[in-house]
Amino acid sequence: MTDTPLPVPAGDIAVADTWDAGDMGCGALVSRLRRRLRAMPGQVLYMVTRDAGAPEDIPAWCRMTRNELLRYDAQAHGFWIRSRLDW
């Protein structure tokens, strides 16, 4: 896990922050993700995670929490998520 800048391949999406969550498991991952998104209402986070369950878990979590999953890149393990405004 690192907070160093990541290459953000989707040039058409304005990204406010990037996060490499590494191999962090679902429980810790969504807890940290929630904290990060809550600090940036209306902005986009680009997150990379190599957790095997993330391709199914993150879209479901976004739907349940009303955060918008803008894009998922399976090859890069990257998610572009817009934080909801009404935290």
PDB file of N, CA and C in Angstrom:
ATOM      1  N   MET A   1       0.851  -1.171   0.000  1.00  0.00           N
ATOM      2  CA  MET A   1       0.000   0.000   0.000  1.00  0.00           C
ATOM      3  C   MET A   1       0.892   1.228   0.000  1.00  0.00           C
ATOM      4  N   THR A   2       0.548   2.193  -0.867  1.00  0.00           N
ATOM      5  CA  THR A   2       1.357   3.399  -0.966  1.00  0.00           C
ATOM      6  C   THR A   2       0.499   4.583  -1.361  1.00  0.00           C
ATOM      7  N   ASP A   3       0.961   5.769  -1.026  1.00  0.00           N
ATOM      8  CA  ASP A   3       0.279   6.990  -1.427  1.00  0.00           C
ATOM      9  C   ASP A   3       1.070   7.720  -2.500  1.00  0.00           C
ATOM     10  N   THR A   4       2.029   7.053  -3.144  1.00  0.00           N
ATOM     11  CA  THR A   4       2.800   7.690  -4.193  1.00  0.00           C
ATOM     12  C   THR A   4       1.944   7.833  -5.442  1.00  0.00           C
ATOM     13  N   PRO A   5       2.243   8.832  -6.275  1.00  0.00           N
ATOM     14  CA  PRO A   5       1.433   9.050  -7.476  1.00  0.00           C
ATOM     15  C   PRO A   5       1.418   7.817  -8.373  1.00  0.00           C
ATOM     16  N   LEU A   6       0.264   7.532  -8.922  1.00  0.00           N
ATOM     17  CA  LEU A   6       0.092   6.408  -9.832  1.00  0.00           C
ATOM     18  C   LEU A   6      -0.189   6.949 -11.221  1.00  0.00           C
ATOM     19  N   PRO A   7       0.171   6.201 -12.256  1.00  0.00           N
ATOM     20  CA  PRO A   7      -0.253   6.612 -13.587  1.00  0.00           C
ATOM     21  C   PRO A   7      -1.762   6.438 -13.686  1.00  0.00           C
ATOM     22  N   VAL A   8      -2.437   7.448 -14.169  1.00  0.00           N
ATOM     23  CA  VAL A   8      -3.899   7.404 -14.274  1.00  0.00           C
ATOM     24  C   VAL A   8      -4.248   7.356 -15.750  1.00  0.00           C
ATOM     25  N   PRO A   9      -4.518   6.165 -16.306  1.00  0.00           N
ATOM     26  CA  PRO A   9      -4.669   6.014 -17.740  1.00  0.00           C
ATOM     27  C   PRO A   9      -5.908   6.648 -18.366  1.00  0.00           C
ATOM     28  N   ALA A  10      -6.959   6.920 -17.634  1.00  0.00           N
ATOM     29  CA  ALA A  10      -8.184   7.477 -18.228  1.00  0.00           C
ATOM     30  C   ALA A  10      -8.096   8.997 -18.242  1.00  0.00           C
ATOM     31  N   GLY A  11      -7.530   9.542 -19.298  1.00  0.00           N
ATOM     32  CA  GLY A  11      -7.308  10.976 -19.395  1.00  0.00           C
ATOM     33  C   GLY A  11      -8.573  11.800 -19.456  1.00  0.00           C
ATOM     34  N   ASP A  12      -9.702  11.179 -19.758  1.00  0.00           N
ATOM     35  CA  ASP A  12     -10.954  11.923 -19.860  1.00  0.00           C
ATOM     36  C   ASP A  12     -11.649  12.097 -18.511  1.00  0.00           C
ATOM     37  N   ILE A  13     -11.087  11.555 -17.447  1.00  0.00           N
ATOM     38  CA  ILE A  13     -11.665  11.697 -16.108  1.00  0.00           C
ATOM     39  C   ILE A  13     -10.704  12.517 -15.251  1.00  0.00           C
ATOM     40  N   ALA A  14     -11.191  13.626 -14.707  1.00  0.00           N
ATOM     41  CA  ALA A  14     -10.361  14.465 -13.834  1.00  0.00           C
ATOM     42  C   ALA A  14     -10.260  13.807 -12.462  1.00  0.00           C
ATOM     43  N   VAL A  15      -9.070  13.405 -12.086  1.00  0.00           N
ATOM     44  CA  VAL A  15      -8.823  12.690 -10.836  1.00  0.00           C
ATOM     45  C   VAL A  15      -8.249  13.644  -9.798  1.00  0.00           C
ATOM     46  N   ALA A  16      -8.858  13.663  -8.616  1.00  0.00           N
ATOM     47  CA  ALA A  16      -8.395  14.529  -7.530  1.00  0.00           C
ATOM     48  C   ALA A  16      -7.341  13.850  -6.661  1.00  0.00           C
ATOM     49  N   ASP A  17      -7.395  12.505  -6.563  1.00  0.00           N
ATOM     50  CA  ASP A  17      -6.463  11.785  -5.701  1.00  0.00           C
ATOM     51  C   ASP A  17      -6.277  10.377  -6.243  1.00  0.00           C
ATOM     52  N   THR A  18      -5.131   9.776  -5.936  1.00  0.00           N
ATOM     53  CA  THR A  18      -4.851   8.396  -6.318  1.00  0.00           C
ATOM     54  C   THR A  18      -4.463   7.608  -5.076  1.00  0.00           C
ATOM     55  N   TRP A  19      -4.742   6.300  -5.119  1.00  0.00           N
ATOM     56  CA  TRP A  19      -4.429   5.444  -3.980  1.00  0.00           C
ATOM     57  C   TRP A  19      -4.138   4.035  -4.461  1.00  0.00           C
ATOM     58  N   ASP A  20      -2.987   3.508  -4.091  1.00  0.00           N
ATOM     59  CA  ASP A  20      -2.640   2.118  -4.350  1.00  0.00           C
ATOM     60  C   ASP A  20      -2.909   1.344  -3.066  1.00  0.00           C
ATOM     61  N   ALA A  21      -4.002   0.599  -3.052  1.00  0.00           N
ATOM     62  CA  ALA A  21      -4.408  -0.148  -1.861  1.00  0.00           C
ATOM     63  C   ALA A  21      -3.717  -1.505  -1.766  1.00  0.00           C
ATOM     64  N   GLY A  22      -2.898  -1.836  -2.739  1.00  0.00           N
ATOM     65  CA  GLY A  22      -2.145  -3.088  -2.695  1.00  0.00           C
ATOM     66  C   GLY A  22      -3.044  -4.308  -2.616  1.00  0.00           C
ATOM     67  N   ASP A  23      -2.690  -5.240  -1.748  1.00  0.00           N
ATOM     68  CA  ASP A  23      -3.442  -6.488  -1.576  1.00  0.00           C
ATOM     69  C   ASP A  23      -4.387  -6.440  -0.380  1.00  0.00           C
ATOM     70  N   MET A  24      -4.688  -5.247   0.088  1.00  0.00           N
ATOM     71  CA  MET A  24      -5.556  -5.087   1.258  1.00  0.00           C
ATOM     72  C   MET A  24      -6.885  -5.825   1.032  1.00  0.00           C
ATOM     73  N   GLY A  25      -7.334  -6.570   2.028  1.00  0.00           N
ATOM     74  CA  GLY A  25      -8.572  -7.331   1.927  1.00  0.00           C
ATOM     75  C   GLY A  25      -9.808  -6.454   2.025  1.00  0.00           C
ATOM     76  N   CYS A  26     -10.933  -7.018   1.723  1.00  0.00           N
ATOM     77  CA  CYS A  26     -12.193  -6.285   1.591  1.00  0.00           C
ATOM     78  C   CYS A  26     -12.562  -5.432   2.804  1.00  0.00           C
ATOM     79  N   GLY A  27     -12.508  -5.985   3.997  1.00  0.00           N
ATOM     80  CA  GLY A  27     -12.924  -5.235   5.187  1.00  0.00           C
ATOM     81  C   GLY A  27     -12.117  -3.972   5.392  1.00  0.00           C
ATOM     82  N   ALA A  28     -10.809  -4.109   5.405  1.00  0.00           N
ATOM     83  CA  ALA A  28      -9.935  -2.944   5.574  1.00  0.00           C
ATOM     84  C   ALA A  28     -10.012  -2.032   4.361  1.00  0.00           C
ATOM     85  N   LEU A  29     -10.129  -2.624   3.186  1.00  0.00           N
ATOM     86  CA  LEU A  29     -10.184  -1.849   1.947  1.00  0.00           C
ATOM     87  C   LEU A  29     -11.375  -0.901   1.932  1.00  0.00           C
ATOM     88  N   VAL A  30     -12.572  -1.405   2.192  1.00  0.00           N
ATOM     89  CA  VAL A  30     -13.746  -0.527   2.125  1.00  0.00           C
ATOM     90  C   VAL A  30     -13.774   0.471   3.280  1.00  0.00           C
ATOM     91  N   SER A  31     -13.203   0.109   4.414  1.00  0.00           N
ATOM     92  CA  SER A  31     -13.127   1.051   5.528  1.00  0.00           C
ATOM     93  C   SER A  31     -12.240   2.240   5.167  1.00  0.00           C
ATOM     94  N   ARG A  32     -11.073   1.961   4.609  1.00  0.00           N
ATOM     95  CA  ARG A  32     -10.162   3.034   4.190  1.00  0.00           C
ATOM     96  C   ARG A  32     -10.728   3.804   3.001  1.00  0.00           C
ATOM     97  N   LEU A  33     -11.356   3.082   2.078  1.00  0.00           N
ATOM     98  CA  LEU A  33     -11.954   3.731   0.909  1.00  0.00           C
ATOM     99  C   LEU A  33     -13.025   4.719   1.347  1.00  0.00           C
ATOM    100  N   ARG A  34     -13.872   4.316   2.266  1.00  0.00           N
ATOM    101  CA  ARG A  34     -14.922   5.201   2.781  1.00  0.00           C
ATOM    102  C   ARG A  34     -14.313   6.464   3.387  1.00  0.00           C
ATOM    103  N   ARG A  35     -13.283   6.293   4.184  1.00  0.00           N
ATOM    104  CA  ARG A  35     -12.625   7.434   4.825  1.00  0.00           C
ATOM    105  C   ARG A  35     -12.051   8.397   3.783  1.00  0.00           C
ATOM    106  N   ARG A  36     -11.414   7.852   2.767  1.00  0.00           N
ATOM    107  CA  ARG A  36     -10.830   8.692   1.715  1.00  0.00           C
ATOM    108  C   ARG A  36     -11.911   9.438   0.938  1.00  0.00           C
ATOM    109  N   LEU A  37     -12.958   8.732   0.534  1.00  0.00           N
ATOM    110  CA  LEU A  37     -14.011   9.369  -0.256  1.00  0.00           C
ATOM    111  C   LEU A  37     -14.766  10.412   0.555  1.00  0.00           C
ATOM    112  N   ARG A  38     -14.970  10.139   1.809  1.00  0.00           N
ATOM    113  CA  ARG A  38     -15.678  11.090   2.670  1.00  0.00           C
ATOM    114  C   ARG A  38     -14.935  12.424   2.756  1.00  0.00           C
ATOM    115  N   ALA A  39     -13.620  12.393   2.644  1.00  0.00           N
ATOM    116  CA  ALA A  39     -12.795  13.604   2.723  1.00  0.00           C
ATOM    117  C   ALA A  39     -12.756  14.382   1.408  1.00  0.00           C
ATOM    118  N   MET A  40     -13.393  13.850   0.359  1.00  0.00           N
ATOM    119  CA  MET A  40     -13.323  14.509  -0.943  1.00  0.00           C
ATOM    120  C   MET A  40     -14.668  14.465  -1.680  1.00  0.00           C
ATOM    121  N   PRO A  41     -15.736  15.016  -1.081  1.00  0.00           N
ATOM    122  CA  PRO A  41     -17.061  14.949  -1.699  1.00  0.00           C
ATOM    123  C   PRO A  41     -17.087  15.535  -3.109  1.00  0.00           C
ATOM    124  N   GLY A  42     -17.711  14.779  -4.018  1.00  0.00           N
ATOM    125  CA  GLY A  42     -17.881  15.223  -5.396  1.00  0.00           C
ATOM    126  C   GLY A  42     -16.658  15.044  -6.273  1.00  0.00           C
ATOM    127  N   GLN A  43     -15.551  14.616  -5.698  1.00  0.00           N
ATOM    128  CA  GLN A  43     -14.316  14.463  -6.465  1.00  0.00           C
ATOM    129  C   GLN A  43     -14.075  12.996  -6.812  1.00  0.00           C
ATOM    130  N   VAL A  44     -13.114  12.766  -7.701  1.00  0.00           N
ATOM    131  CA  VAL A  44     -12.831  11.419  -8.186  1.00  0.00           C
ATOM    132  C   VAL A  44     -11.532  10.887  -7.585  1.00  0.00           C
ATOM    133  N   LEU A  45     -11.611   9.660  -7.101  1.00  0.00           N
ATOM    134  CA  LEU A  45     -10.455   8.922  -6.602  1.00  0.00           C
ATOM    135  C   LEU A  45     -10.128   7.830  -7.608  1.00  0.00           C
ATOM    136  N   TYR A  46      -8.854   7.718  -7.972  1.00  0.00           N
ATOM    137  CA  TYR A  46      -8.387   6.583  -8.764  1.00  0.00           C
ATOM    138  C   TYR A  46      -7.710   5.624  -7.795  1.00  0.00           C
ATOM    139  N   MET A  47      -8.255   4.418  -7.683  1.00  0.00           N
ATOM    140  CA  MET A  47      -7.746   3.429  -6.738  1.00  0.00           C
ATOM    141  C   MET A  47      -7.294   2.182  -7.486  1.00  0.00           C
ATOM    142  N   VAL A  48      -6.130   1.675  -7.110  1.00  0.00           N
ATOM    143  CA  VAL A  48      -5.638   0.401  -7.626  1.00  0.00           C
ATOM    144  C   VAL A  48      -5.640  -0.584  -6.469  1.00  0.00           C
ATOM    145  N   THR A  49      -6.208  -1.768  -6.703  1.00  0.00           N
ATOM    146  CA  THR A  49      -6.201  -2.820  -5.692  1.00  0.00           C
ATOM    147  C   THR A  49      -6.040  -4.166  -6.376  1.00  0.00           C
ATOM    148  N   ARG A  50      -5.239  -5.011  -5.780  1.00  0.00           N
ATOM    149  CA  ARG A  50      -5.037  -6.343  -6.317  1.00  0.00           C
ATOM    150  C   ARG A  50      -5.810  -7.397  -5.521  1.00  0.00           C
ATOM    151  N   ASP A  51      -6.755  -6.976  -4.713  1.00  0.00           N
ATOM    152  CA  ASP A  51      -7.618  -7.903  -3.983  1.00  0.00           C
ATOM    153  C   ASP A  51      -8.470  -8.664  -4.994  1.00  0.00           C
ATOM    154  N   ALA A  52      -8.449  -9.984  -4.932  1.00  0.00           N
ATOM    155  CA  ALA A  52      -9.153 -10.814  -5.912  1.00  0.00           C
ATOM    156  C   ALA A  52     -10.659 -10.564  -5.940  1.00  0.00           C
ATOM    157  N   GLY A  53     -11.242 -10.176  -4.816  1.00  0.00           N
ATOM    158  CA  GLY A  53     -12.681  -9.947  -4.759  1.00  0.00           C
ATOM    159  C   GLY A  53     -13.121  -8.556  -5.171  1.00  0.00           C
ATOM    160  N   ALA A  54     -12.179  -7.652  -5.354  1.00  0.00           N
ATOM    161  CA  ALA A  54     -12.510  -6.251  -5.636  1.00  0.00           C
ATOM    162  C   ALA A  54     -13.366  -6.036  -6.883  1.00  0.00           C
ATOM    163  N   PRO A  55     -13.143  -6.753  -7.988  1.00  0.00           N
ATOM    164  CA  PRO A  55     -13.976  -6.515  -9.169  1.00  0.00           C
ATOM    165  C   PRO A  55     -15.473  -6.724  -8.926  1.00  0.00           C
ATOM    166  N   GLU A  56     -15.828  -7.551  -7.959  1.00  0.00           N
ATOM    167  CA  GLU A  56     -17.239  -7.729  -7.605  1.00  0.00           C
ATOM    168  C   GLU A  56     -17.620  -6.873  -6.401  1.00  0.00           C
ATOM    169  N   ASP A  57     -16.728  -6.776  -5.424  1.00  0.00           N
ATOM    170  CA  ASP A  57     -17.038  -6.076  -4.174  1.00  0.00           C
ATOM    171  C   ASP A  57     -17.141  -4.562  -4.331  1.00  0.00           C
ATOM    172  N   ILE A  58     -16.225  -3.949  -5.067  1.00  0.00           N
ATOM    173  CA  ILE A  58     -16.207  -2.488  -5.169  1.00  0.00           C
ATOM    174  C   ILE A  58     -17.444  -1.952  -5.895  1.00  0.00           C
ATOM    175  N   PRO A  59     -17.857  -2.512  -7.041  1.00  0.00           N
ATOM    176  CA  PRO A  59     -19.095  -2.017  -7.663  1.00  0.00           C
ATOM    177  C   PRO A  59     -20.315  -2.158  -6.743  1.00  0.00           C
ATOM    178  N   ALA A  60     -20.413  -3.277  -6.028  1.00  0.00           N
ATOM    179  CA  ALA A  60     -21.541  -3.469  -5.104  1.00  0.00           C
ATOM    180  C   ALA A  60     -21.477  -2.457  -3.966  1.00  0.00           C
ATOM    181  N   TRP A  61     -20.293  -2.225  -3.421  1.00  0.00           N
ATOM    182  CA  TRP A  61     -20.122  -1.251  -2.341  1.00  0.00           C
ATOM    183  C   TRP A  61     -20.497   0.144  -2.824  1.00  0.00           C
ATOM    184  N   CYS A  62     -20.082   0.488  -4.032  1.00  0.00           N
ATOM    185  CA  CYS A  62     -20.425   1.809  -4.585  1.00  0.00           C
ATOM    186  C   CYS A  62     -21.941   1.977  -4.700  1.00  0.00           C
ATOM    187  N   ARG A  63     -22.629   0.955  -5.189  1.00  0.00           N
ATOM    188  CA  ARG A  63     -24.099   1.033  -5.292  1.00  0.00           C
ATOM    189  C   ARG A  63     -24.736   1.203  -3.921  1.00  0.00           C
ATOM    190  N   MET A  64     -24.285   0.439  -2.942  1.00  0.00           N
ATOM    191  CA  MET A  64     -24.879   0.494  -1.601  1.00  0.00           C
ATOM    192  C   MET A  64     -24.613   1.814  -0.894  1.00  0.00           C
ATOM    193  N   THR A  65     -23.477   2.444  -1.181  1.00  0.00           N
ATOM    194  CA  THR A  65     -23.105   3.678  -0.482  1.00  0.00           C
ATOM    195  C   THR A  65     -23.380   4.933  -1.305  1.00  0.00           C
ATOM    196  N   ARG A  66     -23.928   4.761  -2.491  1.00  0.00           N
ATOM    197  CA  ARG A  66     -24.270   5.877  -3.392  1.00  0.00           C
ATOM    198  C   ARG A  66     -23.046   6.666  -3.859  1.00  0.00           C
ATOM    199  N   ASN A  67     -21.911   5.994  -3.978  1.00  0.00           N
ATOM    200  CA  ASN A  67     -20.737   6.573  -4.629  1.00  0.00           C
ATOM    201  C   ASN A  67     -20.735   6.043  -6.059  1.00  0.00           C
ATOM    202  N   GLU A  68     -20.286   6.857  -7.002  1.00  0.00           N
ATOM    203  CA  GLU A  68     -20.411   6.501  -8.411  1.00  0.00           C
ATOM    204  C   GLU A  68     -19.129   5.849  -8.936  1.00  0.00           C
ATOM    205  N   LEU A  69     -19.250   4.604  -9.371  1.00  0.00           N
ATOM    206  CA  LEU A  69     -18.138   3.933 -10.035  1.00  0.00           C
ATOM    207  C   LEU A  69     -18.152   4.389 -11.488  1.00  0.00           C
ATOM    208  N   LEU A  70     -17.167   5.175 -11.872  1.00  0.00           N
ATOM    209  CA  LEU A  70     -17.121   5.729 -13.219  1.00  0.00           C
ATOM    210  C   LEU A  70     -16.536   4.750 -14.222  1.00  0.00           C
ATOM    211  N   ARG A  71     -15.529   4.004 -13.780  1.00  0.00           N
ATOM    212  CA  ARG A  71     -14.849   3.095 -14.700  1.00  0.00           C
ATOM    213  C   ARG A  71     -14.054   2.076 -13.897  1.00  0.00           C
ATOM    214  N   TYR A  72     -13.890   0.902 -14.509  1.00  0.00           N
ATOM    215  CA  TYR A  72     -13.026  -0.139 -13.943  1.00  0.00           C
ATOM    216  C   TYR A  72     -12.134  -0.654 -15.063  1.00  0.00           C
ATOM    217  N   ASP A  73     -10.847  -0.732 -14.825  1.00  0.00           N
ATOM    218  CA  ASP A  73      -9.883  -1.261 -15.783  1.00  0.00           C
ATOM    219  C   ASP A  73      -9.310  -2.549 -15.194  1.00  0.00           C
ATOM    220  N   ALA A  74      -9.774  -3.690 -15.704  1.00  0.00           N
ATOM    221  CA  ALA A  74      -9.362  -4.987 -15.160  1.00  0.00           C
ATOM    222  C   ALA A  74      -7.867  -5.236 -15.335  1.00  0.00           C
ATOM    223  N   GLN A  75      -7.304  -4.781 -16.435  1.00  0.00           N
ATOM    224  CA  GLN A  75      -5.886  -5.017 -16.696  1.00  0.00           C
ATOM    225  C   GLN A  75      -4.999  -4.256 -15.708  1.00  0.00           C
ATOM    226  N   ALA A  76      -5.389  -3.023 -15.377  1.00  0.00           N
ATOM    227  CA  ALA A  76      -4.605  -2.195 -14.447  1.00  0.00           C
ATOM    228  C   ALA A  76      -5.063  -2.356 -12.999  1.00  0.00           C
ATOM    229  N   HIS A  77      -6.162  -3.097 -12.784  1.00  0.00           N
ATOM    230  CA  HIS A  77      -6.761  -3.253 -11.453  1.00  0.00           C
ATOM    231  C   HIS A  77      -7.180  -1.891 -10.894  1.00  0.00           C
ATOM    232  N   GLY A  78      -7.612  -0.994 -11.778  1.00  0.00           N
ATOM    233  CA  GLY A  78      -7.922   0.377 -11.376  1.00  0.00           C
ATOM    234  C   GLY A  78      -9.406   0.690 -11.373  1.00  0.00           C
ATOM    235  N   PHE A  79      -9.816   1.474 -10.386  1.00  0.00           N
ATOM    236  CA  PHE A  79     -11.199   1.921 -10.234  1.00  0.00           C
ATOM    237  C   PHE A  79     -11.216   3.441 -10.160  1.00  0.00           C
ATOM    238  N   TRP A  80     -12.103   4.072 -10.914  1.00  0.00           N
ATOM    239  CA  TRP A  80     -12.331   5.508 -10.816  1.00  0.00           C
ATOM    240  C   TRP A  80     -13.665   5.681 -10.105  1.00  0.00           C
ATOM    241  N   ILE A  81     -13.647   6.294  -8.947  1.00  0.00           N
ATOM    242  CA  ILE A  81     -14.849   6.405  -8.119  1.00  0.00           C
ATOM    243  C   ILE A  81     -15.087   7.866  -7.770  1.00  0.00           C
ATOM    244  N   ARG A  82     -16.303   8.355  -8.083  1.00  0.00           N
ATOM    245  CA  ARG A  82     -16.679   9.714  -7.690  1.00  0.00           C
ATOM    246  C   ARG A  82     -17.374   9.650  -6.334  1.00  0.00           C
ATOM    247  N   SER A  83     -16.847  10.402  -5.403  1.00  0.00           N
ATOM    248  CA  SER A  83     -17.408  10.460  -4.057  1.00  0.00           C
ATOM    249  C   SER A  83     -18.742  11.202  -4.072  1.00  0.00           C
ATOM    250  N   ARG A  84     -19.681  10.694  -3.343  1.00  0.00           N
ATOM    251  CA  ARG A  84     -20.980  11.367  -3.263  1.00  0.00           C
ATOM    252  C   ARG A  84     -20.831  12.709  -2.539  1.00  0.00           C
ATOM    253  N   LEU A  85     -21.765  13.599  -2.760  1.00  0.00           N
ATOM    254  CA  LEU A  85     -21.701  14.943  -2.182  1.00  0.00           C
ATOM    255  C   LEU A  85     -22.225  15.006  -0.755  1.00  0.00           C
ATOM    256  N   ASP A  86     -23.174  14.158  -0.415  1.00  0.00           N
ATOM    257  CA  ASP A  86     -23.918  14.296   0.850  1.00  0.00           C
ATOM    258  C   ASP A  86     -23.447  13.345   1.948  1.00  0.00           C
ATOM    259  N   TRP A  87     -22.204  13.442   2.322  1.00  0.00           N
ATOM    260  CA  TRP A  87     -21.704  12.629   3.429  1.00  0.00           C
ATOM    261  C   TRP A  87     -22.249  13.202   4.697  1.00  0.00           C
TER     262      TRP A  87
END
